[in-house]
Amino acid sequence: MSNPRIVTQIRNSIVAVVRTPLWLTIVAAEGILALVATALTTFNENTTVPGLDAGRMSLSFVTLFVLAFALFTIPAIVDRVRSATGASGFLNSFVTAFIVGSSLLVAATPAILWALLSTSVSPAVWIPALGSLKLEILIVDLLVAVAFTTIRKPGAATAVAYGAIASLVLGPFLVLAAVTALPGIKQTTRTWSMEWPSDQSEVDPDTGYPKDPKCPNPSLSTVMIPRYDLVWPAAPVNPFVLVSESVEPMIATYDQTLWAGDSAPITPEVNKVTAPIDLFSTVAISSRALQIAPVENIVVNECELLAETGQPYPDYPDGTASQKVVDDTQSGFTLGLIGQLSVVALWIAGMVVIPRLRPRK
């Protein structure tokens, strides 16, 4: 195909996309909602406390927001465009899908720039985040283009494209769900619970805990824990997890405060809590936590914890484990990308080979 013909086809595809009402509606909605999400994040007083980064937090929301739009709208828009123009062929389908995907990214550019400039987000964050986002959009473009090239009926092509996308989004969760049906580890927990005195004079007013804590005989509980650590590479195959894993998770450390009714907050200096600062870190830490093998025996002595850490509860309230997850695990981006490309390759091979195996009428 000559260059002038390619240019003409690209121009025609752009015109066809722009004239599609569904495209205009989705792009406008995405751009407006992205700006609203950024405004709500950057102007929220809770995101401006020390240790947080409102710009990075906004960027994480907008990036995964654009990814969701790309995954669930590109096949539908391409279907409308192809139905209106009647055009066919791989190049036409890919160019159309590429234009749609790129327009979604362009529509969110004002929100992305706002997020980046609001707190001077580091290139070490936005370059991999936006790069992996564009890669995911290109993968969707490719799946849609192959589906519309190899499958004659537009409705069937759209269904197959959505099936391929759904396998990337939901497939990892199905793998994790399947693990729950397999034998896991029998985990036993022995807990020495602290007794609370009925007389308030025996409670330390500075800490809110008993002055002379007592822990009687332990309670025993046993549960079966699935071995997610055996299949954890499946999690980053999910596009949302993969984009989140492209950025090194960041954790902030805070003084933990305790409230007792309407009294003033009690803040023991030894109490600290760590928590992820943005959506990228939250998703990545949740995924990376699957790498940690469950232990068979857990011992919790609230009296000993109170003496050692200033509070009787392990990982109080639930955040101190975040730093441990980061320290004890590795990024799943590389394995997730390999797994995702393998799934995409299987879908493309199936879409190319299966139609050729059908007997011709």
Protein backbone atom coordinates (compact mmCIF):
# COMPACT_ATOMS: atom_id res chain seq x y z
CA MET A 1 0.00 0.00 0.00
CA SER A 2 1.43 3.37 -1.03
CA ASN A 3 2.09 6.11 1.45
CA PRO A 4 -0.54 8.48 -0.01
CA ARG A 5 -3.14 5.74 0.35
CA ILE A 6 -2.12 5.13 3.96
CA VAL A 7 -2.40 8.85 4.72
CA THR A 8 -5.82 8.95 3.10
CA GLN A 9 -6.98 5.98 5.12
CA ILE A 10 -5.74 7.54 8.34
CA ARG A 11 -7.52 10.80 7.50
CA ASN A 12 -10.72 8.94 6.70
CA SER A 13 -10.49 7.00 9.95
CA ILE A 14 -10.05 10.21 11.95
CA VAL A 15 -13.07 11.78 10.26
CA ALA A 16 -15.15 8.66 10.88
CA VAL A 17 -14.22 8.56 14.57
CA VAL A 18 -14.93 12.26 15.09
CA ARG A 19 -18.34 11.93 13.45
CA THR A 20 -19.36 9.09 15.76
CA PRO A 21 -21.68 10.43 18.52
CA LEU A 22 -20.70 7.65 20.95
CA TRP A 23 -17.03 8.64 20.71
CA LEU A 24 -17.78 12.30 21.42
CA THR A 25 -19.95 11.43 24.42
CA ILE A 26 -17.40 9.09 25.97
CA VAL A 27 -14.40 11.37 25.39
CA ALA A 28 -16.22 14.40 26.81
CA ALA A 29 -17.42 12.45 29.84
CA GLU A 30 -13.97 11.05 30.52
CA GLY A 31 -12.26 14.43 30.25
CA ILE A 32 -14.75 16.13 32.58
CA LEU A 33 -14.75 13.32 35.16
CA ALA A 34 -10.94 13.24 35.16
CA LEU A 35 -10.83 16.97 35.95
CA VAL A 36 -13.42 16.54 38.69
CA ALA A 37 -11.42 13.69 40.25
CA THR A 38 -8.25 15.76 40.16
CA ALA A 39 -9.96 18.77 41.71
CA LEU A 40 -11.50 16.72 44.49
CA THR A 41 -8.11 15.24 45.31
CA THR A 42 -5.83 18.27 45.06
CA PHE A 43 -8.23 20.55 46.96
CA ASN A 44 -8.98 18.02 49.69
CA GLU A 45 -7.37 19.08 52.97
CA ASN A 46 -6.79 15.44 53.90
CA THR A 47 -4.34 15.03 50.99
CA THR A 48 -2.16 17.96 52.01
CA VAL A 49 -0.98 16.57 55.33
CA PRO A 50 2.77 15.85 55.68
CA GLY A 51 3.78 12.58 54.07
CA LEU A 52 1.14 12.64 51.35
CA ASP A 53 1.42 13.78 47.75
CA ALA A 54 -1.84 15.14 46.34
CA GLY A 55 -0.45 15.30 42.80
CA ARG A 56 0.72 11.70 42.81
CA MET A 57 -2.59 10.64 44.32
CA SER A 58 -4.51 12.49 41.60
CA LEU A 59 -2.29 11.02 38.89
CA SER A 60 -2.98 7.50 40.13
CA PHE A 61 -6.73 8.07 40.07
CA VAL A 62 -6.74 9.63 36.60
CA THR A 63 -4.39 7.03 35.09
CA LEU A 64 -6.46 4.05 36.22
CA PHE A 65 -9.62 5.96 35.33
CA VAL A 66 -8.43 6.40 31.72
CA LEU A 67 -7.42 2.74 31.62
CA ALA A 68 -10.93 1.70 32.64
CA PHE A 69 -12.45 3.84 29.87
CA ALA A 70 -10.03 2.38 27.32
CA LEU A 71 -10.71 -1.23 28.29
CA PHE A 72 -14.47 -0.95 28.24
CA THR A 73 -15.21 1.56 25.48
CA ILE A 74 -12.71 1.09 22.62
CA PRO A 75 -14.38 -2.07 21.20
CA ALA A 76 -17.83 -0.44 21.30
CA ILE A 77 -16.68 2.76 19.60
CA VAL A 78 -14.75 0.88 16.90
CA ASP A 79 -17.86 -1.23 16.30
CA ARG A 80 -19.92 1.94 15.74
CA VAL A 81 -17.31 3.43 13.41
CA ARG A 82 -16.97 0.25 11.37
CA SER A 83 -20.75 -0.09 11.11
CA ALA A 84 -21.00 3.48 9.82
CA THR A 85 -18.15 3.30 7.29
CA GLY A 86 -18.22 -0.35 6.26
CA ALA A 87 -14.43 -0.28 6.05
CA SER A 88 -12.44 -3.46 6.68
CA GLY A 89 -8.87 -4.67 6.89
CA PHE A 90 -6.33 -4.81 9.68
CA LEU A 91 -4.75 -1.42 9.02
CA ASN A 92 -8.09 0.36 9.01
CA SER A 93 -9.22 -1.41 12.18
CA PHE A 94 -5.97 -0.76 14.01
CA VAL A 95 -5.82 2.90 12.97
CA THR A 96 -9.41 3.39 14.10
CA ALA A 97 -8.76 1.70 17.45
CA PHE A 98 -5.51 3.65 17.86
CA ILE A 99 -7.25 6.97 17.23
CA VAL A 100 -9.98 6.12 19.75
CA GLY A 101 -7.48 5.03 22.39
CA SER A 102 -5.24 8.05 21.85
CA SER A 103 -8.20 10.42 22.04
CA LEU A 104 -9.09 9.03 25.47
CA LEU A 105 -5.56 9.79 26.64
CA VAL A 106 -5.64 13.27 25.10
CA ALA A 107 -8.98 14.03 26.77
CA ALA A 108 -7.43 13.32 30.16
CA THR A 109 -4.27 15.35 29.45
CA PRO A 110 -5.49 18.54 31.24
CA ALA A 111 -6.23 16.53 34.38
CA ILE A 112 -2.90 14.71 34.11
CA LEU A 113 -0.95 17.96 33.71
CA TRP A 114 -2.83 19.47 36.64
CA ALA A 115 -1.88 16.50 38.80
CA LEU A 116 1.76 16.56 37.71
CA LEU A 117 2.23 20.29 38.24
CA SER A 118 0.27 20.57 41.49
CA THR A 119 3.05 18.95 43.52
CA SER A 120 5.81 18.50 40.92
CA VAL A 121 5.35 14.74 40.63
CA SER A 122 8.66 13.01 39.98
CA PRO A 123 9.45 11.66 36.47
CA ALA A 124 10.21 8.36 38.22
CA VAL A 125 6.47 8.16 38.86
CA TRP A 126 4.73 9.64 35.84
CA ILE A 127 7.01 8.24 33.11
CA PRO A 128 6.44 4.54 33.97
CA ALA A 129 2.80 5.15 34.89
CA LEU A 130 1.87 6.89 31.65
CA GLY A 131 4.16 4.63 29.62
CA SER A 132 2.49 1.48 30.93
CA LEU A 133 -0.93 3.10 30.44
CA LYS A 134 -0.14 3.74 26.78
CA LEU A 135 1.13 0.17 26.43
CA GLU A 136 -2.14 -1.19 27.82
CA ILE A 137 -4.13 0.99 25.42
CA LEU A 138 -2.02 -0.29 22.49
CA ILE A 139 -2.69 -3.88 23.58
CA VAL A 140 -6.43 -3.18 23.56
CA ASP A 141 -6.07 -1.53 20.13
CA LEU A 142 -4.29 -4.61 18.80
CA LEU A 143 -6.87 -7.06 20.18
CA VAL A 144 -9.73 -5.01 18.74
CA ALA A 145 -8.02 -4.69 15.34
CA VAL A 146 -7.33 -8.43 15.07
CA ALA A 147 -10.88 -9.27 16.16
CA PHE A 148 -12.47 -7.01 13.55
CA THR A 149 -10.06 -8.25 10.86
CA THR A 150 -10.54 -11.98 11.36
CA ILE A 151 -14.24 -12.09 12.34
CA ARG A 152 -16.68 -11.00 9.68
CA LYS A 153 -19.70 -10.20 11.81
CA PRO A 154 -19.14 -6.90 13.68
CA GLY A 155 -21.22 -7.99 16.65
CA ALA A 156 -19.24 -11.21 17.02
CA ALA A 157 -15.96 -9.31 16.64
CA THR A 158 -16.97 -6.91 19.40
CA ALA A 159 -17.94 -9.80 21.67
CA VAL A 160 -14.62 -11.56 21.07
CA ALA A 161 -12.67 -8.35 21.73
CA TYR A 162 -14.51 -7.87 25.01
CA GLY A 163 -13.91 -11.52 25.84
CA ALA A 164 -10.16 -11.05 25.39
CA ILE A 165 -10.19 -7.91 27.53
CA ALA A 166 -12.29 -9.62 30.20
CA SER A 167 -9.79 -12.47 30.35
CA LEU A 168 -7.07 -9.97 31.21
CA VAL A 169 -9.18 -8.14 33.78
CA LEU A 170 -11.00 -11.04 35.42
CA GLY A 171 -8.73 -13.98 34.61
CA PRO A 172 -6.24 -13.30 37.44
CA PHE A 173 -9.09 -13.13 39.97
CA LEU A 174 -10.43 -16.45 38.72
CA VAL A 175 -6.99 -17.99 39.23
CA LEU A 176 -6.85 -16.65 42.78
CA ALA A 177 -10.40 -17.82 43.42
CA ALA A 178 -9.51 -21.31 42.20
CA VAL A 179 -6.73 -21.48 44.79
CA THR A 180 -9.28 -21.16 47.57
CA ALA A 181 -10.74 -24.51 46.51
CA LEU A 182 -7.37 -26.25 46.90
CA PRO A 183 -5.78 -27.44 50.16
CA GLY A 184 -4.01 -24.59 51.92
CA ILE A 185 -2.07 -24.20 55.14
CA LYS A 186 -3.61 -24.93 58.52
CA GLN A 187 -2.84 -21.78 60.48
CA THR A 188 -3.08 -21.85 64.27
CA THR A 189 -3.25 -18.64 66.30
CA ARG A 190 -2.71 -18.49 70.05
CA THR A 191 -3.84 -15.21 71.55
CA TRP A 192 -3.27 -13.95 75.07
CA SER A 193 -5.92 -11.23 75.32
CA MET A 194 -5.48 -8.38 77.77
CA GLU A 195 -8.10 -7.99 80.49
CA TRP A 196 -9.52 -4.50 80.90
CA PRO A 197 -10.06 -3.40 84.52
CA SER A 198 -13.51 -2.32 85.61
CA ASP A 199 -12.00 0.41 87.79
CA GLN A 200 -10.96 3.36 85.61
CA SER A 201 -8.32 4.35 88.17
CA GLU A 202 -6.33 1.34 86.99
CA VAL A 203 -6.19 2.75 83.46
CA ASP A 204 -3.18 4.89 82.54
CA PRO A 205 -4.58 8.31 81.49
CA ASP A 206 -1.58 8.95 79.23
CA THR A 207 -1.93 5.79 77.15
CA GLY A 208 -5.52 4.67 77.70
CA TYR A 209 -4.31 1.14 78.55
CA PRO A 210 -4.24 -0.73 81.90
CA LYS A 211 -1.40 0.23 84.24
CA ASP A 212 -0.82 -3.38 85.22
CA PRO A 213 -2.03 -5.45 82.24
CA LYS A 214 -2.86 -9.10 82.77
CA CYS A 215 -3.23 -11.73 80.07
CA PRO A 216 -4.81 -15.03 81.25
CA ASN A 217 -4.79 -18.35 79.42
CA PRO A 218 -4.65 -18.04 75.63
CA SER A 219 -7.44 -18.68 73.19
CA LEU A 220 -6.81 -20.98 70.25
CA SER A 221 -8.16 -20.61 66.72
CA THR A 222 -7.44 -22.57 63.56
CA VAL A 223 -8.18 -21.61 59.97
CA MET A 224 -7.19 -22.83 56.52
CA ILE A 225 -5.22 -20.21 54.56
CA PRO A 226 -5.07 -20.46 50.73
CA ARG A 227 -1.61 -20.58 49.15
CA TYR A 228 -1.86 -17.44 47.05
CA ASP A 229 1.93 -17.24 47.13
CA LEU A 230 2.05 -20.15 44.67
CA VAL A 231 0.10 -18.27 41.97
CA TRP A 232 0.90 -14.63 42.76
CA PRO A 233 2.32 -13.88 39.26
CA ALA A 234 -1.26 -14.13 37.97
CA ALA A 235 -2.27 -10.95 39.81
CA PRO A 236 -0.12 -8.43 37.84
CA VAL A 237 -1.50 -9.82 34.57
CA ASN A 238 -4.52 -7.65 35.35
CA PRO A 239 -4.04 -4.31 33.50
CA PHE A 240 -4.87 -2.20 36.56
CA VAL A 241 -2.38 -4.11 38.70
CA LEU A 242 0.28 -4.03 35.97
CA VAL A 243 0.09 -0.24 35.60
CA SER A 244 0.20 0.15 39.38
CA GLU A 245 3.18 -2.21 39.63
CA SER A 246 5.11 -0.09 37.12
CA VAL A 247 5.54 2.54 39.86
CA GLU A 248 7.52 1.86 43.02
CA PRO A 249 5.00 1.94 45.90
CA MET A 250 5.39 4.74 48.41
CA ILE A 251 4.38 4.57 52.04
CA ALA A 252 3.91 7.34 54.59
CA THR A 253 4.38 6.93 58.34
CA TYR A 254 2.02 8.63 60.78
CA ASP A 255 1.58 8.96 64.52
CA GLN A 256 -1.32 6.70 65.45
CA THR A 257 -4.06 8.48 67.41
CA LEU A 258 -6.67 6.89 69.66
CA TRP A 259 -9.99 8.44 70.66
CA ALA A 260 -12.00 7.72 73.78
CA GLY A 261 -15.50 9.13 73.37
CA ASP A 262 -15.45 12.92 73.45
CA SER A 263 -12.11 13.11 75.26
CA ALA A 264 -8.92 14.42 73.72
CA PRO A 265 -6.98 12.10 71.41
CA ILE A 266 -4.37 9.93 73.11
CA THR A 267 -1.16 9.80 71.10
CA PRO A 268 1.53 7.52 72.52
CA GLU A 269 4.77 8.47 70.79
CA VAL A 270 5.69 4.85 70.15
CA ASN A 271 2.57 4.22 68.06
CA LYS A 272 3.22 4.50 64.35
CA VAL A 273 1.23 3.40 61.34
CA THR A 274 2.33 3.11 57.72
CA ALA A 275 -0.03 3.28 54.78
CA PRO A 276 0.23 3.66 51.00
CA ILE A 277 -0.12 7.24 49.80
CA ASP A 278 -1.88 6.73 46.47
CA LEU A 279 -3.94 4.29 44.42
CA PHE A 280 -0.87 2.92 42.64
CA SER A 281 0.73 2.00 45.96
CA THR A 282 -2.51 0.58 47.39
CA VAL A 283 -3.05 -1.74 44.41
CA ALA A 284 0.63 -2.71 44.17
CA ILE A 285 0.95 -3.53 47.87
CA SER A 286 -2.27 -5.57 47.78
CA SER A 287 -0.88 -7.53 44.84
CA ARG A 288 2.60 -7.95 46.29
CA ALA A 289 1.18 -9.16 49.61
CA LEU A 290 0.15 -12.33 47.78
CA GLN A 291 3.84 -13.24 47.48
CA ILE A 292 4.16 -13.74 51.23
CA ALA A 293 3.60 -17.35 52.25
CA PRO A 294 1.24 -17.82 55.21
CA VAL A 295 2.78 -19.03 58.47
CA GLU A 296 1.50 -22.08 60.29
CA ASN A 297 1.73 -20.77 63.86
CA ILE A 298 0.98 -17.27 65.12
CA VAL A 299 1.43 -16.16 68.71
CA VAL A 300 -0.12 -12.91 69.95
CA ASN A 301 0.47 -11.76 73.51
CA GLU A 302 -1.17 -8.41 74.03
CA CYS A 303 0.59 -7.79 77.34
CA GLU A 304 4.01 -8.31 75.81
CA LEU A 305 3.11 -6.12 72.83
CA LEU A 306 1.97 -3.35 75.14
CA ALA A 307 5.28 -3.45 77.00
CA GLU A 308 7.36 -3.58 73.81
CA THR A 309 5.50 -1.25 71.45
CA GLY A 310 3.16 0.85 73.59
CA GLN A 311 0.01 -0.76 72.18
CA PRO A 312 -1.38 -4.29 72.57
CA TYR A 313 -2.52 -4.98 69.02
CA PRO A 314 -0.32 -6.45 66.28
CA ASP A 315 0.03 -4.17 63.25
CA TYR A 316 -2.41 -1.66 64.78
CA PRO A 317 -4.75 -0.85 63.21
CA ASP A 318 -3.83 -2.54 59.94
CA GLY A 319 -1.17 -0.43 58.32
CA THR A 320 2.23 -1.30 59.71
CA ALA A 321 2.28 -4.41 57.53
CA SER A 322 2.54 -2.18 54.43
CA GLN A 323 6.24 -1.52 54.99
CA LYS A 324 6.85 -5.20 55.64
CA VAL A 325 5.19 -6.11 52.35
CA VAL A 326 7.41 -3.67 50.46
CA ASP A 327 10.54 -4.92 52.23
CA ASP A 328 9.81 -8.63 51.82
CA THR A 329 8.50 -8.73 48.24
CA GLN A 330 9.46 -7.75 44.72
CA SER A 331 7.70 -5.93 41.90
CA GLY A 332 5.52 -8.18 39.78
CA PHE A 333 5.65 -5.92 36.71
CA THR A 334 8.01 -8.06 34.61
CA LEU A 335 6.22 -11.34 35.27
CA GLY A 336 2.85 -9.65 34.85
CA LEU A 337 3.85 -8.20 31.49
CA ILE A 338 5.15 -11.57 30.29
CA GLY A 339 1.92 -13.24 31.42
CA GLN A 340 -0.25 -10.58 29.85
CA LEU A 341 1.57 -10.72 26.50
CA SER A 342 1.24 -14.52 26.56
CA VAL A 343 -2.52 -14.28 27.05
CA VAL A 344 -2.77 -11.68 24.27
CA ALA A 345 -0.71 -13.89 21.94
CA LEU A 346 -3.04 -16.84 22.60
CA TRP A 347 -6.10 -14.73 21.84
CA ILE A 348 -4.59 -13.41 18.62
CA ALA A 349 -3.55 -16.90 17.55
CA GLY A 350 -7.05 -18.17 18.27
CA MET A 351 -8.71 -15.32 16.37
CA VAL A 352 -6.47 -15.94 13.36
CA VAL A 353 -6.50 -19.75 13.30
CA ILE A 354 -10.03 -20.73 14.39
CA PRO A 355 -11.92 -18.93 11.58
CA ARG A 356 -9.67 -20.70 9.03
CA LEU A 357 -10.53 -24.10 10.48
CA ARG A 358 -14.23 -23.66 9.81
CA PRO A 359 -15.47 -25.42 6.66
CA ARG A 360 -16.30 -23.07 3.83
CA LYS A 361 -19.88 -23.16 2.54
